[in-house]
């Protein structure tokens, strides 16, 4: 079996893979859902936008479930502290995610315009809210979450819900929302024919420029924002005890990894390049691929900046959780790695197969035929 420290590093990478997988796959569902009410002009066009999402959105939820399960099993202290601190934010996300399947299933049950219009707006809200809240939550990680640990390692949250809306956290929310809107619009431009696809392409360009500006602004702010740094060495293979370290708070410390390893600057550069390609390149397939790369690179940039922290503490910096002192046991990580090695390729294979089978553009003629036959959205 791999040594304890290596397993912890592998699980940090796997957590990143799961977050990126969720953002790249379900992200375009959320992004297109957030804007489809604005890029469509009649019920048929709205059906076209929903038809583009329909074959994939439910299968993409596996990334969200798997990510939550991985945090629970691999980083139980992170699960306990974050779910306590972000309880209302996570409840808001879950309510929005629950609203999506209800909207998909009920929208077409009644033909009245008022009924369908109400569900259209509900689906729009269900796309905007998670996209924004995910970014605000990430922003709060860099600010530090107000919690401390008791002598029994029980997390105690010291903050309030409204304190989560710090200007930097809101800027991170703008990055997340504009990023996923760009991704969803890029997918819509590639997948939907005619005027709807054209409008989605226009939205993708604007959203890419907004995401690029917000991403650069967040990076500049991060260079002067007080960050956390472990003082001295930290045993990578020791027992999980977050109370056994010292943490210093220094301006610009969140960019210490990039300064120590300049090659890591290639990751945010790839994000900026991907955003620029979406804004400038006309080829819609290339635009969607560039969008996916930008989404992955932005999330990876945040992960590199935070490393080795999983959940920094604003109340007691020394109580912050790192990958070295907040994980499950050596045996648990090893067993879970074996299970992941079996199931993750199956998920990737299924997702690839489904995307390939459902390839092709959504046409107005197809949706109108479905409506005549009583099907579709």
Protein backbone atom coordinates (compact mmCIF):
# COMPACT_ATOMS: atom_id res chain seq x y z
CA UNK A 1 0.00 0.00 0.00
CA UNK A 2 1.14 3.55 -0.66
CA UNK A 3 2.48 5.53 2.29
CA UNK A 4 0.09 7.76 4.23
CA UNK A 5 1.44 11.07 2.94
CA UNK A 6 1.20 9.99 -0.70
CA UNK A 7 -2.37 8.79 -0.22
CA UNK A 8 -3.31 12.17 1.22
CA UNK A 9 -1.83 13.93 -1.79
CA UNK A 10 -3.62 11.58 -4.19
CA UNK A 11 -6.93 12.26 -2.47
CA UNK A 12 -6.35 16.00 -2.69
CA UNK A 13 -5.88 15.54 -6.44
CA UNK A 14 -8.96 13.32 -6.66
CA UNK A 15 -11.04 15.92 -4.83
CA UNK A 16 -9.89 18.42 -7.45
CA UNK A 17 -10.79 16.01 -10.25
CA UNK A 18 -14.30 15.58 -8.84
CA UNK A 19 -14.82 19.34 -8.49
CA UNK A 20 -13.58 19.92 -12.02
CA UNK A 21 -15.70 17.05 -13.34
CA UNK A 22 -18.80 18.57 -11.74
CA UNK A 23 -18.03 22.09 -12.99
CA UNK A 24 -17.24 21.02 -16.56
CA UNK A 25 -20.23 18.68 -16.96
CA UNK A 26 -23.06 19.93 -14.77
CA UNK A 27 -21.62 23.42 -15.11
CA UNK A 28 -22.85 23.82 -18.66
CA UNK A 29 -26.29 22.59 -17.58
CA UNK A 30 -26.41 25.21 -14.83
CA UNK A 31 -25.00 27.92 -17.09
CA UNK A 32 -27.42 27.30 -19.94
CA UNK A 33 -30.29 27.03 -17.47
CA UNK A 34 -29.32 30.40 -16.01
CA UNK A 35 -29.65 32.18 -19.37
CA UNK A 36 -32.08 30.15 -21.46
CA UNK A 37 -35.00 32.39 -20.51
CA UNK A 38 -33.06 35.36 -21.98
CA UNK A 39 -31.81 33.77 -25.22
CA UNK A 40 -35.21 32.43 -26.29
CA UNK A 41 -38.21 34.28 -27.68
CA UNK A 42 -41.03 31.74 -27.71
CA UNK A 43 -42.03 28.40 -26.25
CA UNK A 44 -40.48 26.40 -29.08
CA UNK A 45 -37.11 28.07 -28.61
CA UNK A 46 -37.27 27.40 -24.88
CA UNK A 47 -37.98 23.77 -25.61
CA UNK A 48 -34.92 23.73 -27.86
CA UNK A 49 -32.71 25.02 -25.03
CA UNK A 50 -34.13 22.50 -22.57
CA UNK A 51 -33.77 19.70 -25.13
CA UNK A 52 -30.03 20.45 -25.27
CA UNK A 53 -29.73 19.89 -21.51
CA UNK A 54 -32.18 17.02 -21.11
CA UNK A 55 -30.03 14.04 -22.17
CA UNK A 56 -27.21 14.85 -19.76
CA UNK A 57 -28.15 16.89 -16.70
CA UNK A 58 -29.34 14.05 -14.47
CA UNK A 59 -26.30 11.88 -15.15
CA UNK A 60 -24.02 14.80 -14.31
CA UNK A 61 -25.33 14.85 -10.73
CA UNK A 62 -23.12 11.84 -10.03
CA UNK A 63 -20.12 14.18 -9.84
CA UNK A 64 -21.82 16.24 -7.12
CA UNK A 65 -22.81 13.15 -5.15
CA UNK A 66 -19.40 11.55 -5.55
CA UNK A 67 -17.67 14.76 -4.47
CA UNK A 68 -19.78 15.02 -1.31
CA UNK A 69 -19.19 11.35 -0.56
CA UNK A 70 -15.44 11.73 -1.07
CA UNK A 71 -15.28 14.68 1.34
CA UNK A 72 -17.28 12.73 3.92
CA UNK A 73 -15.11 9.62 3.73
CA UNK A 74 -11.65 11.04 2.97
CA UNK A 75 -11.82 14.33 4.91
CA UNK A 76 -14.39 13.87 7.73
CA UNK A 77 -13.15 16.94 9.64
CA UNK A 78 -13.60 19.05 6.50
CA UNK A 79 -17.10 17.67 6.00
CA UNK A 80 -18.09 18.45 9.59
CA UNK A 81 -16.64 21.97 9.73
CA UNK A 82 -17.72 23.11 6.27
CA UNK A 83 -21.26 21.76 6.46
CA UNK A 84 -21.68 23.51 9.81
CA UNK A 85 -20.23 26.83 8.63
CA UNK A 86 -21.90 26.88 5.23
CA UNK A 87 -25.15 25.25 6.35
CA UNK A 88 -27.57 27.87 5.02
CA UNK A 89 -25.55 28.39 1.85
CA UNK A 90 -25.55 24.65 1.15
CA UNK A 91 -29.26 24.45 1.96
CA UNK A 92 -29.86 27.19 -0.61
CA UNK A 93 -27.86 25.23 -3.20
CA UNK A 94 -29.70 22.00 -2.46
CA UNK A 95 -33.09 23.71 -2.74
CA UNK A 96 -32.06 25.13 -6.11
CA UNK A 97 -30.82 21.74 -7.30
CA UNK A 98 -34.07 20.13 -6.14
CA UNK A 99 -36.03 22.80 -8.03
CA UNK A 100 -34.40 21.80 -11.34
CA UNK A 101 -35.87 18.28 -11.73
CA UNK A 102 -39.25 19.55 -10.52
CA UNK A 103 -39.15 22.26 -13.17
CA UNK A 104 -38.09 19.86 -15.92
CA UNK A 105 -40.87 17.43 -15.05
CA UNK A 106 -43.71 19.89 -14.41
CA UNK A 107 -43.09 22.58 -17.03
CA UNK A 108 -44.86 20.73 -19.84
CA UNK A 109 -47.71 19.33 -17.76
CA UNK A 110 -49.90 22.36 -18.50
CA UNK A 111 -49.96 24.29 -21.77
CA UNK A 112 -50.89 27.65 -20.27
CA UNK A 113 -48.26 30.38 -20.81
CA UNK A 114 -48.44 31.56 -17.19
CA UNK A 115 -47.66 28.05 -15.92
CA UNK A 116 -44.73 27.54 -18.28
CA UNK A 117 -43.41 31.04 -17.71
CA UNK A 118 -43.35 30.45 -13.95
CA UNK A 119 -41.38 27.24 -14.34
CA UNK A 120 -39.04 28.89 -16.85
CA UNK A 121 -38.11 31.48 -14.24
CA UNK A 122 -37.81 28.77 -11.60
CA UNK A 123 -35.31 26.92 -13.79
CA UNK A 124 -33.43 30.15 -14.38
CA UNK A 125 -33.14 30.76 -10.63
CA UNK A 126 -32.08 27.12 -10.18
CA UNK A 127 -29.20 27.78 -12.56
CA UNK A 128 -28.10 31.16 -11.18
CA UNK A 129 -28.17 30.39 -7.44
CA UNK A 130 -25.76 27.40 -7.33
CA UNK A 131 -23.42 29.04 -9.83
CA UNK A 132 -23.16 32.12 -7.62
CA UNK A 133 -23.08 30.40 -4.23
CA UNK A 134 -20.29 28.00 -5.23
CA UNK A 135 -18.08 30.98 -6.05
CA UNK A 136 -18.96 32.86 -2.87
CA UNK A 137 -18.07 29.74 -0.84
CA UNK A 138 -14.69 29.44 -2.59
CA UNK A 139 -14.04 33.12 -1.94
CA UNK A 140 -14.65 32.60 1.76
CA UNK A 141 -11.99 29.90 1.85
CA UNK A 142 -9.38 32.54 1.00
CA UNK A 143 -10.80 34.86 3.66
CA UNK A 144 -10.78 32.09 6.23
CA UNK A 145 -13.86 30.50 7.72
CA UNK A 146 -14.63 31.62 11.30
CA UNK A 147 -14.43 28.37 13.23
CA UNK A 148 -12.32 26.77 15.93
CA UNK A 149 -11.85 23.26 17.24
CA UNK A 150 -12.43 22.07 20.78
CA UNK A 151 -9.93 19.85 22.58
CA UNK A 152 -11.97 16.90 21.27
CA UNK A 153 -11.57 18.21 17.69
CA UNK A 154 -15.22 19.19 17.42
CA UNK A 155 -15.71 22.18 15.09
CA UNK A 156 -17.47 25.25 16.47
CA UNK A 157 -18.63 27.87 13.97
CA UNK A 158 -18.04 31.44 15.15
CA UNK A 159 -19.51 33.44 12.26
CA UNK A 160 -22.85 34.53 10.83
CA UNK A 161 -24.53 33.93 7.49
CA UNK A 162 -24.39 37.54 6.32
CA UNK A 163 -20.64 37.65 7.02
CA UNK A 164 -20.15 35.28 4.09
CA UNK A 165 -20.92 38.13 1.68
CA UNK A 166 -17.54 39.83 1.92
CA UNK A 167 -16.63 41.89 -1.19
CA UNK A 168 -13.87 39.44 -2.13
CA UNK A 169 -16.28 36.52 -1.76
CA UNK A 170 -18.80 38.33 -3.96
CA UNK A 171 -16.07 38.90 -6.56
CA UNK A 172 -15.34 35.16 -6.47
CA UNK A 173 -19.08 34.64 -6.97
CA UNK A 174 -18.94 36.83 -10.08
CA UNK A 175 -16.05 34.72 -11.38
CA UNK A 176 -18.04 31.53 -10.81
CA UNK A 177 -21.33 32.81 -12.24
CA UNK A 178 -19.79 34.38 -15.34
CA UNK A 179 -17.58 31.32 -15.86
CA UNK A 180 -20.52 28.90 -15.81
CA UNK A 181 -22.74 31.21 -17.87
CA UNK A 182 -19.94 31.31 -20.45
CA UNK A 183 -19.65 27.52 -20.33
CA UNK A 184 -23.39 26.97 -20.67
CA UNK A 185 -23.68 29.55 -23.45
CA UNK A 186 -20.74 27.96 -25.30
CA UNK A 187 -22.50 24.62 -25.08
CA UNK A 188 -25.77 26.17 -26.29
CA UNK A 189 -23.99 27.84 -29.21
CA UNK A 190 -22.51 24.49 -30.21
CA UNK A 191 -25.63 22.40 -29.61
CA UNK A 192 -28.60 24.54 -30.71
CA UNK A 193 -29.26 25.63 -34.27
CA UNK A 194 -30.42 28.97 -35.58
CA UNK A 195 -31.12 32.16 -33.69
CA UNK A 196 -30.98 30.55 -30.24
CA UNK A 197 -27.47 29.27 -30.87
CA UNK A 198 -26.45 32.66 -32.25
CA UNK A 199 -27.73 34.45 -29.16
CA UNK A 200 -25.99 31.94 -26.92
CA UNK A 201 -22.73 32.62 -28.76
CA UNK A 202 -23.10 36.35 -28.14
CA UNK A 203 -23.71 35.72 -24.44
CA UNK A 204 -20.69 33.40 -24.27
CA UNK A 205 -18.41 36.13 -25.61
CA UNK A 206 -19.61 38.73 -23.12
CA UNK A 207 -19.53 36.27 -20.20
CA UNK A 208 -15.98 35.22 -21.12
CA UNK A 209 -14.81 38.84 -21.01
CA UNK A 210 -16.56 39.39 -17.66
CA UNK A 211 -15.03 36.19 -16.28
CA UNK A 212 -11.57 37.21 -17.51
CA UNK A 213 -11.82 40.66 -15.91
CA UNK A 214 -13.15 39.25 -12.63
CA UNK A 215 -10.51 36.47 -12.61
CA UNK A 216 -7.67 38.95 -13.08
CA UNK A 217 -9.15 41.27 -10.45
CA UNK A 218 -9.47 38.39 -7.97
CA UNK A 219 -5.85 37.40 -8.61
CA UNK A 220 -4.66 40.95 -8.04
CA UNK A 221 -6.68 41.17 -4.81
CA UNK A 222 -5.32 37.78 -3.72
CA UNK A 223 -1.75 39.10 -4.06
CA UNK A 224 -2.37 41.53 -1.17
CA UNK A 225 -5.06 39.62 0.76
CA UNK A 226 -3.87 38.15 4.08
CA UNK A 227 -3.18 34.46 3.50
CA UNK A 228 -2.31 31.49 5.69
CA UNK A 229 1.03 29.70 5.77
CA UNK A 230 2.16 26.79 7.93
CA UNK A 231 5.09 27.76 10.14
CA UNK A 232 7.82 25.13 10.20
CA UNK A 233 7.46 21.59 8.93
CA UNK A 234 4.32 19.51 9.08
CA UNK A 235 4.49 15.71 9.21
CA UNK A 236 2.83 14.38 6.07
CA UNK A 237 2.38 10.87 7.47
CA UNK A 238 1.41 11.72 11.04
CA UNK A 239 -1.96 11.26 12.73
CA UNK A 240 -4.78 13.61 11.82
CA UNK A 241 -4.68 16.34 14.47
CA UNK A 242 -5.23 19.90 13.21
CA UNK A 243 -4.20 21.32 16.60
CA UNK A 244 -0.57 20.23 16.21
CA UNK A 245 0.68 23.04 13.96
CA UNK A 246 1.32 26.77 13.87
CA UNK A 247 -0.04 29.01 11.12
CA UNK A 248 1.05 32.54 10.24
CA UNK A 249 -1.18 35.08 8.48
CA UNK A 250 0.73 37.16 5.93
CA UNK A 251 -0.29 39.44 3.08
CA UNK A 252 0.00 37.65 -0.26
CA UNK A 253 0.67 34.25 1.31
CA UNK A 254 -1.96 32.59 -0.89
CA UNK A 255 0.38 32.97 -3.88
CA UNK A 256 3.36 31.39 -2.11
CA UNK A 257 3.08 28.12 -4.07
CA UNK A 258 3.20 29.95 -7.39
CA UNK A 259 6.19 32.02 -6.25
CA UNK A 260 8.02 28.89 -5.10
CA UNK A 261 7.23 27.01 -8.33
CA UNK A 262 6.94 29.52 -11.22
CA UNK A 263 5.73 26.79 -13.60
CA UNK A 264 2.43 26.85 -11.71
CA UNK A 265 1.68 30.26 -13.26
CA UNK A 266 0.93 28.31 -16.44
CA UNK A 267 -2.37 27.20 -14.88
CA UNK A 268 -3.94 30.68 -14.51
CA UNK A 269 -2.38 31.56 -17.88
CA UNK A 270 -4.25 28.62 -19.41
CA UNK A 271 -7.46 29.88 -17.80
CA UNK A 272 -6.97 33.36 -19.23
CA UNK A 273 -6.11 31.96 -22.66
CA UNK A 274 -9.21 29.74 -22.64
CA UNK A 275 -11.42 32.71 -21.75
CA UNK A 276 -9.84 34.79 -24.50
CA UNK A 277 -10.41 32.03 -27.06
CA UNK A 278 -14.10 31.81 -26.14
CA UNK A 279 -14.42 35.56 -26.62
CA UNK A 280 -12.55 35.72 -29.93
CA UNK A 281 -12.75 32.43 -31.85
CA UNK A 282 -15.76 31.84 -34.11
CA UNK A 283 -15.58 28.02 -34.24
CA UNK A 284 -18.21 26.88 -31.75
CA UNK A 285 -16.72 23.45 -31.00
CA UNK A 286 -13.35 25.06 -30.30
CA UNK A 287 -15.14 27.63 -28.15
CA UNK A 288 -16.76 24.92 -26.02
CA UNK A 289 -13.46 23.03 -25.63
CA UNK A 290 -11.70 26.27 -24.65
CA UNK A 291 -14.49 27.00 -22.19
CA UNK A 292 -14.06 23.59 -20.54
CA UNK A 293 -10.30 24.14 -20.27
CA UNK A 294 -10.85 27.58 -18.74
CA UNK A 295 -13.28 26.20 -16.16
CA UNK A 296 -10.86 23.43 -15.18
CA UNK A 297 -7.89 25.82 -15.01
CA UNK A 298 -9.73 28.38 -12.85
CA UNK A 299 -10.67 25.71 -10.30
CA UNK A 300 -7.15 24.27 -10.37
CA UNK A 301 -5.71 27.76 -9.85
CA UNK A 302 -7.77 28.14 -6.67
CA UNK A 303 -6.75 24.69 -5.44
CA UNK A 304 -3.05 25.38 -5.98
CA UNK A 305 -3.28 28.69 -4.14
CA UNK A 306 -5.00 27.06 -1.14
CA UNK A 307 -2.68 24.04 -0.95
CA UNK A 308 -2.13 22.46 1.56
CA UNK A 309 -5.17 24.04 3.24
CA UNK A 310 -8.62 22.56 2.83
CA UNK A 311 -10.47 24.90 5.21
CA UNK A 312 -8.48 27.79 6.70
CA UNK A 313 -9.74 29.20 9.98
CA UNK A 314 -10.24 32.93 10.47
CA UNK A 315 -10.91 32.60 14.22
CA UNK A 316 -7.93 30.42 15.09
CA UNK A 317 -5.52 30.15 12.11
CA UNK A 318 -3.71 27.25 13.76
CA UNK A 319 -6.97 25.26 13.74
CA UNK A 320 -7.28 25.38 9.95
CA UNK A 321 -7.60 22.03 8.21
CA UNK A 322 -4.89 20.84 5.82
CA UNK A 323 -4.56 17.73 3.71
CA UNK A 324 -1.98 16.43 6.19
CA UNK A 325 -3.98 16.69 9.42
CA UNK A 326 -7.67 16.32 8.54
CA UNK A 327 -7.87 13.05 6.60
CA UNK A 328 -9.29 9.65 7.40
CA UNK A 329 -7.04 6.78 8.40
CA UNK A 330 -4.37 5.25 6.17
CA UNK A 331 -6.47 2.11 5.65
CA UNK A 332 -9.64 4.06 4.81
CA UNK A 333 -7.87 6.14 2.17
CA UNK A 334 -6.34 3.01 0.65
CA UNK A 335 -9.65 1.14 0.42
CA UNK A 336 -11.39 4.17 -1.04
CA UNK A 337 -8.63 4.65 -3.60
CA UNK A 338 -9.18 1.09 -4.82
CA UNK A 339 -12.94 1.69 -5.12
CA UNK A 340 -12.33 4.95 -6.96
CA UNK A 341 -9.92 3.26 -9.37
CA UNK A 342 -12.77 0.91 -10.28
CA UNK A 343 -15.73 3.29 -10.48
CA UNK A 344 -14.24 6.56 -11.72
CA UNK A 345 -13.27 5.10 -15.13
CA UNK A 346 -16.80 3.68 -15.43
CA UNK A 347 -18.28 7.13 -14.80
CA UNK A 348 -15.94 8.71 -17.34
CA UNK A 349 -16.74 6.00 -19.89
CA UNK A 350 -20.48 6.39 -19.37
CA UNK A 351 -20.32 10.19 -19.63
CA UNK A 352 -18.24 10.01 -22.81
CA UNK A 353 -20.55 7.42 -24.35
CA UNK A 354 -23.68 9.43 -23.50
CA UNK A 355 -22.18 12.62 -24.92
CA UNK A 356 -21.22 10.79 -28.13
CA UNK A 357 -24.60 9.10 -28.55
CA UNK A 358 -26.46 12.38 -28.04
CA UNK A 359 -24.22 14.35 -30.38
CA UNK A 360 -25.79 16.50 -33.06
CA UNK A 361 -27.61 19.82 -32.93
CA UNK A 362 -31.08 20.47 -31.58
CA UNK A 363 -33.27 21.74 -34.42
CA UNK A 364 -36.52 23.65 -34.39
CA UNK A 365 -38.15 21.07 -36.67
CA UNK A 366 -37.31 18.26 -34.25
CA UNK A 367 -38.75 20.10 -31.25
CA UNK A 368 -41.92 21.08 -33.12
CA UNK A 369 -42.44 17.46 -34.16
CA UNK A 370 -42.03 16.35 -30.54
CA UNK A 371 -44.59 18.95 -29.45
CA UNK A 372 -47.10 17.68 -31.99
CA UNK A 373 -46.58 14.15 -30.67
CA UNK A 374 -47.02 15.27 -27.05
CA UNK A 375 -43.40 14.79 -26.00
CA UNK A 376 -40.38 16.86 -25.04
CA UNK A 377 -40.31 19.90 -22.80
